[in-house]
């Protein structure tokens, strides 16, 4: 079974990281690797992320793994994360987005059922093949999912529809 990596880039997100991780833990895709890529937060973001990760692991949620990657800024945290990730399917989730629990699973299915080079997206979340990152990534710091989507040719995007599990190829 293919592993899906869900990356949550953070920078001083103590007010949203707990909710973001709860949303990530609700996703129904297995096996699953949740990575918080922190760009040097000065608040309690890292502390909260580690607490939630430990709590989920101790609860016996063995279908997923949790990791924290810290960098001196958001770009370095994302770059370090992508050097570590070996998953075919990568999902980047902005830290303030509320995803339906079936979004990651539907995105993985849509991504693997279409030719390579495509991406699957909705507001605040994008899924793509790991090998596509070099052509999608921002030159400067991480600017968010909308910036990554803007770098993806419209002909290569798959949009998850309002009904989760359905998708439209643009």
N, C-alpha and C. Protein backbone atom coordinates (compact mmCIF):
# COMPACT_ATOMS: atom_id res chain seq x y z
N UNK A 1 0.84 -1.18 0.00
CA UNK A 1 0.00 0.00 0.00
C UNK A 1 0.88 1.24 0.00
N UNK A 2 0.52 2.24 -0.78
CA UNK A 2 1.30 3.47 -0.86
C UNK A 2 1.08 4.34 0.37
N UNK A 3 2.16 4.95 0.84
CA UNK A 3 2.06 5.86 1.97
C UNK A 3 1.80 7.27 1.47
N UNK A 4 0.94 7.98 2.16
CA UNK A 4 0.65 9.38 1.85
C UNK A 4 1.28 10.24 2.93
N UNK A 5 2.02 11.27 2.51
CA UNK A 5 2.62 12.20 3.46
C UNK A 5 1.81 13.49 3.47
N UNK A 6 1.34 13.89 4.64
CA UNK A 6 0.62 15.15 4.78
C UNK A 6 1.53 16.12 5.52
N UNK A 7 1.84 17.22 4.87
CA UNK A 7 2.76 18.21 5.42
C UNK A 7 1.97 19.45 5.83
N UNK A 8 2.19 19.91 7.06
CA UNK A 8 1.57 21.14 7.54
C UNK A 8 2.70 22.14 7.81
N UNK A 9 2.91 23.11 6.92
CA UNK A 9 3.92 24.14 7.17
C UNK A 9 3.43 25.10 8.25
N UNK A 10 4.30 25.40 9.22
CA UNK A 10 3.90 26.30 10.30
C UNK A 10 4.95 27.37 10.56
N UNK A 11 4.46 28.48 11.04
CA UNK A 11 5.31 29.56 11.55
C UNK A 11 4.44 30.37 12.49
N UNK A 12 4.69 30.23 13.79
CA UNK A 12 3.91 30.93 14.82
C UNK A 12 2.41 30.67 14.65
N UNK A 13 2.05 29.40 14.68
CA UNK A 13 0.66 28.98 14.46
C UNK A 13 0.03 28.37 15.71
N UNK A 14 0.43 28.85 16.90
CA UNK A 14 -0.08 28.22 18.11
C UNK A 14 -1.60 28.26 18.22
N UNK A 15 -2.24 29.24 17.58
CA UNK A 15 -3.70 29.33 17.66
C UNK A 15 -4.41 28.37 16.71
N UNK A 16 -3.69 27.80 15.72
CA UNK A 16 -4.35 26.94 14.74
C UNK A 16 -3.76 25.53 14.65
N UNK A 17 -2.57 25.29 15.20
CA UNK A 17 -1.91 24.00 14.97
C UNK A 17 -2.66 22.83 15.60
N UNK A 18 -3.24 23.01 16.77
CA UNK A 18 -3.96 21.89 17.38
C UNK A 18 -5.13 21.47 16.51
N UNK A 19 -5.90 22.41 16.05
CA UNK A 19 -7.05 22.11 15.18
C UNK A 19 -6.58 21.50 13.86
N UNK A 20 -5.48 22.01 13.30
CA UNK A 20 -4.94 21.47 12.05
C UNK A 20 -4.54 20.01 12.20
N UNK A 21 -3.89 19.68 13.31
CA UNK A 21 -3.49 18.29 13.52
C UNK A 21 -4.68 17.39 13.79
N UNK A 22 -5.69 17.90 14.48
CA UNK A 22 -6.91 17.11 14.68
C UNK A 22 -7.57 16.80 13.33
N UNK A 23 -7.59 17.78 12.43
CA UNK A 23 -8.14 17.57 11.08
C UNK A 23 -7.29 16.55 10.33
N UNK A 24 -5.97 16.65 10.45
CA UNK A 24 -5.08 15.70 9.79
C UNK A 24 -5.30 14.28 10.31
N UNK A 25 -5.49 14.15 11.61
CA UNK A 25 -5.70 12.82 12.21
C UNK A 25 -7.05 12.21 11.83
N UNK A 26 -8.01 13.03 11.42
CA UNK A 26 -9.33 12.53 11.02
C UNK A 26 -9.34 12.00 9.58
N UNK A 27 -8.31 12.29 8.80
CA UNK A 27 -8.31 11.86 7.40
C UNK A 27 -8.31 10.35 7.30
N UNK A 28 -9.10 9.81 6.37
CA UNK A 28 -9.23 8.35 6.28
C UNK A 28 -8.39 7.78 5.14
N UNK A 29 -7.08 7.93 5.25
CA UNK A 29 -6.16 7.35 4.28
C UNK A 29 -5.07 6.63 5.06
N UNK A 30 -4.73 5.41 4.65
CA UNK A 30 -3.72 4.61 5.33
C UNK A 30 -2.75 4.03 4.30
N UNK A 31 -1.49 3.78 4.64
CA UNK A 31 -0.80 4.35 5.79
C UNK A 31 -0.55 5.84 5.58
N UNK A 32 -0.20 6.52 6.63
CA UNK A 32 -0.25 7.96 6.65
C UNK A 32 0.91 8.51 7.45
N UNK A 33 1.55 9.56 6.94
CA UNK A 33 2.68 10.18 7.62
C UNK A 33 2.38 11.67 7.75
N UNK A 34 2.20 12.14 8.97
CA UNK A 34 1.91 13.56 9.21
C UNK A 34 3.21 14.23 9.63
N UNK A 35 3.55 15.30 8.90
CA UNK A 35 4.79 16.03 9.18
C UNK A 35 4.47 17.50 9.40
N UNK A 36 4.87 18.04 10.53
CA UNK A 36 4.78 19.48 10.77
C UNK A 36 6.14 20.05 10.37
N UNK A 37 6.14 20.95 9.39
CA UNK A 37 7.37 21.58 8.90
C UNK A 37 7.40 23.00 9.47
N UNK A 38 8.10 23.16 10.58
CA UNK A 38 8.09 24.45 11.27
C UNK A 38 9.24 25.34 10.83
N UNK A 39 8.91 26.58 10.52
CA UNK A 39 9.88 27.54 10.01
C UNK A 39 10.48 28.45 11.07
N UNK A 40 10.67 27.95 12.29
CA UNK A 40 11.31 28.75 13.33
C UNK A 40 10.33 29.50 14.21
N UNK A 41 9.24 28.87 14.57
CA UNK A 41 8.23 29.52 15.41
C UNK A 41 8.82 29.98 16.73
N UNK A 42 8.38 31.14 17.17
CA UNK A 42 8.82 31.71 18.45
C UNK A 42 7.74 31.56 19.52
N UNK A 43 6.59 31.00 19.14
CA UNK A 43 5.50 30.80 20.10
C UNK A 43 5.46 29.32 20.51
N UNK A 44 4.32 28.80 20.90
CA UNK A 44 4.19 27.43 21.39
C UNK A 44 3.82 26.42 20.30
N UNK A 45 3.96 26.77 19.03
CA UNK A 45 3.57 25.89 17.92
C UNK A 45 4.22 24.51 18.04
N UNK A 46 5.54 24.47 18.19
CA UNK A 46 6.27 23.20 18.24
C UNK A 46 5.85 22.38 19.46
N UNK A 47 5.75 23.03 20.61
CA UNK A 47 5.33 22.34 21.83
C UNK A 47 3.95 21.70 21.67
N UNK A 48 3.01 22.43 21.10
CA UNK A 48 1.65 21.92 20.90
C UNK A 48 1.67 20.77 19.90
N UNK A 49 2.40 20.92 18.80
CA UNK A 49 2.47 19.87 17.78
C UNK A 49 3.03 18.58 18.36
N UNK A 50 4.10 18.68 19.14
CA UNK A 50 4.69 17.49 19.75
C UNK A 50 3.72 16.84 20.74
N UNK A 51 3.00 17.64 21.51
CA UNK A 51 2.03 17.10 22.47
C UNK A 51 0.93 16.32 21.75
N UNK A 52 0.39 16.89 20.66
CA UNK A 52 -0.68 16.22 19.90
C UNK A 52 -0.14 14.94 19.26
N UNK A 53 1.07 15.00 18.68
CA UNK A 53 1.67 13.82 18.07
C UNK A 53 1.88 12.70 19.07
N UNK A 54 2.40 13.03 20.27
CA UNK A 54 2.62 12.03 21.32
C UNK A 54 1.29 11.44 21.78
N UNK A 55 0.28 12.29 21.93
CA UNK A 55 -1.03 11.82 22.38
C UNK A 55 -1.62 10.82 21.38
N UNK A 56 -1.51 11.13 20.09
CA UNK A 56 -2.05 10.23 19.06
C UNK A 56 -1.29 8.91 19.03
N UNK A 57 0.02 8.97 19.16
CA UNK A 57 0.83 7.75 19.17
C UNK A 57 0.48 6.90 20.39
N UNK A 58 0.35 7.54 21.56
CA UNK A 58 0.05 6.78 22.78
C UNK A 58 -1.37 6.22 22.77
N UNK A 59 -2.25 6.79 21.94
CA UNK A 59 -3.62 6.28 21.82
C UNK A 59 -3.67 5.04 20.94
N UNK A 60 -2.52 4.67 20.37
CA UNK A 60 -2.48 3.44 19.57
C UNK A 60 -2.87 3.63 18.12
N UNK A 61 -2.81 4.85 17.62
CA UNK A 61 -3.12 5.08 16.21
C UNK A 61 -1.90 4.66 15.38
N UNK A 62 -1.75 3.35 15.19
CA UNK A 62 -0.54 2.85 14.54
C UNK A 62 -0.60 2.85 13.02
N UNK A 63 -1.67 3.39 12.44
CA UNK A 63 -1.77 3.48 10.99
C UNK A 63 -1.11 4.75 10.47
N UNK A 64 -0.57 5.53 11.36
CA UNK A 64 0.10 6.76 10.92
C UNK A 64 1.37 6.95 11.72
N UNK A 65 2.25 7.79 11.18
CA UNK A 65 3.42 8.21 11.94
C UNK A 65 3.43 9.73 11.97
N UNK A 66 4.10 10.28 12.97
CA UNK A 66 4.15 11.72 13.16
C UNK A 66 5.60 12.16 13.21
N UNK A 67 5.87 13.31 12.61
CA UNK A 67 7.23 13.82 12.58
C UNK A 67 7.19 15.34 12.65
N UNK A 68 8.25 15.93 13.18
CA UNK A 68 8.39 17.39 13.20
C UNK A 68 9.74 17.72 12.59
N UNK A 69 9.73 18.60 11.61
CA UNK A 69 10.97 19.06 10.98
C UNK A 69 11.07 20.55 11.24
N UNK A 70 12.18 21.01 11.80
CA UNK A 70 12.37 22.42 12.10
C UNK A 70 13.45 23.00 11.21
N UNK A 71 13.19 24.20 10.71
CA UNK A 71 14.17 24.91 9.89
C UNK A 71 14.34 26.32 10.41
N UNK A 72 15.31 27.03 9.88
CA UNK A 72 15.54 28.41 10.34
C UNK A 72 14.47 29.36 9.80
N UNK A 73 13.80 28.96 8.71
CA UNK A 73 12.68 29.72 8.14
C UNK A 73 11.79 28.73 7.41
N UNK A 74 10.67 29.22 6.85
CA UNK A 74 9.72 28.30 6.22
C UNK A 74 10.30 27.60 5.00
N UNK A 75 11.07 28.30 4.20
CA UNK A 75 11.65 27.66 3.01
C UNK A 75 12.58 26.53 3.41
N UNK A 76 13.44 26.75 4.38
CA UNK A 76 14.36 25.68 4.79
C UNK A 76 13.62 24.51 5.43
N UNK A 77 12.56 24.78 6.19
CA UNK A 77 11.77 23.70 6.80
C UNK A 77 11.12 22.84 5.72
N UNK A 78 10.55 23.49 4.70
CA UNK A 78 9.92 22.75 3.60
C UNK A 78 10.98 21.97 2.82
N UNK A 79 12.11 22.59 2.53
CA UNK A 79 13.18 21.90 1.79
C UNK A 79 13.69 20.67 2.56
N UNK A 80 13.90 20.82 3.88
CA UNK A 80 14.33 19.69 4.70
C UNK A 80 13.28 18.58 4.71
N UNK A 81 12.02 18.97 4.75
CA UNK A 81 10.94 17.99 4.75
C UNK A 81 10.94 17.19 3.46
N UNK A 82 11.08 17.88 2.33
CA UNK A 82 11.05 17.17 1.04
C UNK A 82 12.27 16.30 0.83
N UNK A 83 13.38 16.61 1.48
CA UNK A 83 14.54 15.71 1.41
C UNK A 83 14.27 14.43 2.18
N UNK A 84 13.43 14.52 3.19
CA UNK A 84 13.13 13.39 4.06
C UNK A 84 12.00 12.51 3.49
N UNK A 85 11.04 13.12 2.83
CA UNK A 85 9.85 12.42 2.35
C UNK A 85 10.21 11.49 1.20
N UNK A 86 9.68 10.27 1.25
CA UNK A 86 9.84 9.31 0.16
C UNK A 86 8.48 8.82 -0.35
N UNK A 87 7.41 9.39 0.16
CA UNK A 87 6.07 8.99 -0.26
C UNK A 87 5.80 9.42 -1.69
N UNK A 88 5.04 8.60 -2.42
CA UNK A 88 4.64 8.98 -3.77
C UNK A 88 3.68 10.17 -3.74
N UNK A 89 2.71 10.09 -2.85
CA UNK A 89 1.67 11.13 -2.77
C UNK A 89 1.97 12.05 -1.60
N UNK A 90 2.08 13.34 -1.89
CA UNK A 90 2.34 14.35 -0.87
C UNK A 90 1.16 15.32 -0.85
N UNK A 91 0.70 15.63 0.34
CA UNK A 91 -0.37 16.61 0.51
C UNK A 91 0.19 17.73 1.37
N UNK A 92 0.01 18.96 0.91
CA UNK A 92 0.37 20.12 1.73
C UNK A 92 -0.94 20.76 2.17
N UNK A 93 -1.04 20.98 3.47
CA UNK A 93 -2.25 21.54 4.07
C UNK A 93 -1.90 22.85 4.77
N UNK A 94 -2.53 23.93 4.35
CA UNK A 94 -2.35 25.19 5.07
C UNK A 94 -2.89 25.00 6.49
N UNK A 95 -2.27 25.63 7.49
CA UNK A 95 -2.62 25.33 8.88
C UNK A 95 -3.98 25.84 9.37
N UNK A 96 -4.72 26.53 8.56
CA UNK A 96 -6.02 27.02 9.02
C UNK A 96 -7.16 26.52 8.16
N UNK A 97 -7.01 25.35 7.56
CA UNK A 97 -8.00 24.82 6.63
C UNK A 97 -8.77 23.67 7.26
N UNK A 98 -10.07 23.62 7.04
CA UNK A 98 -10.91 22.54 7.54
C UNK A 98 -11.24 21.61 6.39
N UNK A 99 -10.66 20.42 6.39
CA UNK A 99 -10.89 19.44 5.33
C UNK A 99 -11.90 18.40 5.76
N UNK A 100 -12.73 17.97 4.83
CA UNK A 100 -13.60 16.83 5.04
C UNK A 100 -12.71 15.61 5.35
N UNK A 101 -13.11 14.73 6.27
CA UNK A 101 -12.28 13.58 6.63
C UNK A 101 -11.91 12.67 5.46
N UNK A 102 -12.66 12.71 4.38
CA UNK A 102 -12.35 11.84 3.25
C UNK A 102 -11.52 12.53 2.17
N UNK A 103 -11.10 13.79 2.40
CA UNK A 103 -10.40 14.53 1.34
C UNK A 103 -9.08 13.87 0.96
N UNK A 104 -8.25 13.53 1.93
CA UNK A 104 -6.93 12.96 1.62
C UNK A 104 -7.06 11.64 0.88
N UNK A 105 -7.99 10.80 1.30
CA UNK A 105 -8.21 9.52 0.62
C UNK A 105 -8.69 9.73 -0.81
N UNK A 106 -9.63 10.65 -0.99
CA UNK A 106 -10.14 10.93 -2.34
C UNK A 106 -9.06 11.54 -3.21
N UNK A 107 -8.24 12.42 -2.63
CA UNK A 107 -7.15 13.04 -3.39
C UNK A 107 -6.14 11.98 -3.83
N UNK A 108 -5.81 11.04 -2.95
CA UNK A 108 -4.87 9.97 -3.30
C UNK A 108 -5.41 9.12 -4.44
N UNK A 109 -6.68 8.75 -4.35
CA UNK A 109 -7.30 7.94 -5.41
C UNK A 109 -7.30 8.71 -6.73
N UNK A 110 -7.69 9.97 -6.69
CA UNK A 110 -7.72 10.78 -7.90
C UNK A 110 -6.33 10.94 -8.49
N UNK A 111 -5.36 11.16 -7.64
CA UNK A 111 -3.99 11.35 -8.11
C UNK A 111 -3.44 10.10 -8.78
N UNK A 112 -3.69 8.95 -8.17
CA UNK A 112 -3.15 7.70 -8.71
C UNK A 112 -3.95 7.18 -9.91
N UNK A 113 -5.18 7.66 -10.09
CA UNK A 113 -5.97 7.18 -11.22
C UNK A 113 -5.77 8.04 -12.47
N UNK A 114 -5.04 9.13 -12.34
CA UNK A 114 -4.76 10.00 -13.48
C UNK A 114 -3.28 9.91 -13.84
N UNK A 115 -2.92 10.28 -15.07
CA UNK A 115 -1.51 10.24 -15.46
C UNK A 115 -0.66 11.11 -14.53
N UNK A 116 0.61 10.74 -14.41
CA UNK A 116 1.50 11.50 -13.53
C UNK A 116 1.66 12.93 -14.01
N UNK A 117 2.10 13.78 -13.12
CA UNK A 117 2.27 15.18 -13.45
C UNK A 117 1.07 16.03 -13.09
N UNK A 118 0.00 15.40 -12.62
CA UNK A 118 -1.19 16.15 -12.22
C UNK A 118 -1.16 16.45 -10.73
N UNK A 119 -1.96 17.42 -10.32
CA UNK A 119 -2.12 17.70 -8.90
C UNK A 119 -3.60 17.75 -8.58
N UNK A 120 -3.93 17.48 -7.34
CA UNK A 120 -5.31 17.50 -6.87
C UNK A 120 -5.39 18.61 -5.84
N UNK A 121 -6.38 19.47 -5.96
CA UNK A 121 -6.42 20.56 -5.00
C UNK A 121 -7.84 20.99 -4.65
N UNK A 122 -7.91 21.70 -3.56
CA UNK A 122 -9.10 22.41 -3.12
C UNK A 122 -8.56 23.59 -2.33
N UNK A 123 -9.43 24.45 -1.85
CA UNK A 123 -8.94 25.61 -1.10
C UNK A 123 -8.13 25.17 0.11
N UNK A 124 -6.86 25.53 0.12
CA UNK A 124 -6.02 25.28 1.28
C UNK A 124 -5.33 23.93 1.33
N UNK A 125 -5.53 23.06 0.34
CA UNK A 125 -4.86 21.76 0.34
C UNK A 125 -4.55 21.35 -1.10
N UNK A 126 -3.38 20.78 -1.29
CA UNK A 126 -2.98 20.30 -2.61
C UNK A 126 -2.26 18.96 -2.45
N UNK A 127 -2.53 18.03 -3.36
CA UNK A 127 -1.86 16.73 -3.38
C UNK A 127 -1.15 16.60 -4.72
N UNK A 128 0.04 16.01 -4.70
CA UNK A 128 0.80 15.84 -5.93
C UNK A 128 1.84 14.75 -5.72
N UNK A 129 2.42 14.28 -6.83
CA UNK A 129 3.49 13.30 -6.74
C UNK A 129 4.74 13.98 -6.19
N UNK A 130 5.45 13.27 -5.34
CA UNK A 130 6.66 13.80 -4.71
C UNK A 130 7.63 14.36 -5.74
N UNK A 131 7.76 13.71 -6.87
CA UNK A 131 8.71 14.13 -7.90
C UNK A 131 8.35 15.47 -8.54
N UNK A 132 7.11 15.93 -8.36
CA UNK A 132 6.67 17.19 -8.97
C UNK A 132 7.06 18.41 -8.16
N UNK A 133 7.55 18.23 -6.93
CA UNK A 133 7.81 19.37 -6.05
C UNK A 133 8.78 20.37 -6.65
N UNK A 134 9.83 19.90 -7.31
CA UNK A 134 10.85 20.83 -7.84
C UNK A 134 10.25 21.81 -8.84
N UNK A 135 9.22 21.42 -9.56
CA UNK A 135 8.61 22.35 -10.52
C UNK A 135 7.52 23.21 -9.89
N UNK A 136 7.06 22.86 -8.70
CA UNK A 136 5.96 23.59 -8.06
C UNK A 136 6.40 24.54 -6.96
N UNK A 137 7.53 24.28 -6.34
CA UNK A 137 7.86 24.99 -5.11
C UNK A 137 8.18 26.47 -5.34
N UNK A 138 7.83 27.27 -4.34
CA UNK A 138 8.12 28.70 -4.40
C UNK A 138 9.63 28.95 -4.34
N UNK A 139 10.07 30.01 -4.99
CA UNK A 139 11.49 30.37 -4.97
C UNK A 139 11.88 30.94 -3.61
N UNK A 140 10.96 31.64 -2.98
CA UNK A 140 11.24 32.25 -1.67
C UNK A 140 10.64 31.35 -0.58
N UNK A 141 10.13 31.95 0.46
CA UNK A 141 9.52 31.19 1.55
C UNK A 141 8.20 30.56 1.12
N UNK A 142 7.70 29.66 1.96
CA UNK A 142 6.42 29.02 1.68
C UNK A 142 5.32 30.09 1.76
N UNK A 143 4.54 30.19 0.70
CA UNK A 143 3.51 31.24 0.63
C UNK A 143 2.10 30.69 0.74
N UNK A 144 1.95 29.40 0.77
CA UNK A 144 0.63 28.82 0.91
C UNK A 144 0.22 28.00 -0.31
N UNK A 145 -0.84 27.22 -0.13
CA UNK A 145 -1.32 26.33 -1.17
C UNK A 145 -1.73 27.09 -2.42
N UNK A 146 -2.37 28.24 -2.28
CA UNK A 146 -2.82 28.98 -3.47
C UNK A 146 -1.64 29.38 -4.35
N UNK A 147 -0.50 29.68 -3.74
CA UNK A 147 0.69 30.01 -4.52
C UNK A 147 1.23 28.79 -5.26
N UNK A 148 1.17 27.63 -4.63
CA UNK A 148 1.64 26.41 -5.29
C UNK A 148 0.69 26.04 -6.43
N UNK A 149 -0.62 26.16 -6.19
CA UNK A 149 -1.60 25.87 -7.24
C UNK A 149 -1.37 26.79 -8.43
N UNK A 150 -1.02 28.06 -8.17
CA UNK A 150 -0.82 29.01 -9.26
C UNK A 150 0.36 28.60 -10.15
N UNK A 151 1.25 27.77 -9.65
CA UNK A 151 2.40 27.31 -10.45
C UNK A 151 2.09 26.04 -11.23
N UNK A 152 0.92 25.48 -11.02
CA UNK A 152 0.53 24.25 -11.70
C UNK A 152 -0.30 24.60 -12.93
N UNK A 153 0.10 24.15 -14.12
CA UNK A 153 -0.70 24.45 -15.31
C UNK A 153 -2.13 23.95 -15.15
N UNK A 154 -3.09 24.76 -15.57
CA UNK A 154 -4.51 24.41 -15.42
C UNK A 154 -4.82 23.06 -16.04
N UNK A 155 -4.14 22.73 -17.13
CA UNK A 155 -4.38 21.45 -17.81
C UNK A 155 -3.94 20.26 -16.98
N UNK A 156 -3.16 20.52 -15.94
CA UNK A 156 -2.65 19.41 -15.12
C UNK A 156 -3.25 19.39 -13.73
N UNK A 157 -4.37 20.06 -13.53
CA UNK A 157 -5.00 20.10 -12.21
C UNK A 157 -6.25 19.24 -12.18
N UNK A 158 -6.45 18.61 -11.05
CA UNK A 158 -7.68 17.88 -10.79
C UNK A 158 -8.32 18.58 -9.59
N UNK A 159 -9.55 18.99 -9.73
CA UNK A 159 -10.24 19.68 -8.65
C UNK A 159 -11.19 18.72 -7.97
N UNK A 160 -11.04 18.55 -6.65
CA UNK A 160 -12.01 17.72 -5.93
C UNK A 160 -13.31 18.48 -5.82
N UNK A 161 -14.38 17.85 -6.24
CA UNK A 161 -15.68 18.52 -6.26
C UNK A 161 -16.29 18.65 -4.89
N UNK A 162 -17.45 19.27 -4.87
CA UNK A 162 -18.17 19.50 -3.61
C UNK A 162 -18.50 18.16 -2.96
N UNK A 163 -18.82 17.16 -3.76
CA UNK A 163 -19.05 15.83 -3.23
C UNK A 163 -17.70 15.14 -3.17
N UNK A 164 -17.23 14.88 -1.98
CA UNK A 164 -15.90 14.29 -1.82
C UNK A 164 -15.88 12.94 -2.52
N UNK A 165 -14.80 12.70 -3.23
CA UNK A 165 -14.66 11.45 -3.97
C UNK A 165 -14.88 11.67 -5.45
N UNK A 166 -15.55 12.75 -5.80
CA UNK A 166 -15.69 13.07 -7.22
C UNK A 166 -14.65 14.12 -7.56
N UNK A 167 -14.20 14.15 -8.78
CA UNK A 167 -13.22 15.15 -9.16
C UNK A 167 -13.41 15.54 -10.61
N UNK A 168 -12.89 16.69 -10.94
CA UNK A 168 -13.00 17.24 -12.28
C UNK A 168 -11.60 17.53 -12.77
N UNK A 169 -11.27 17.07 -13.96
CA UNK A 169 -9.98 17.39 -14.55
C UNK A 169 -10.14 18.69 -15.32
N UNK A 170 -9.34 19.67 -14.99
CA UNK A 170 -9.41 20.95 -15.70
C UNK A 170 -8.59 20.87 -16.95
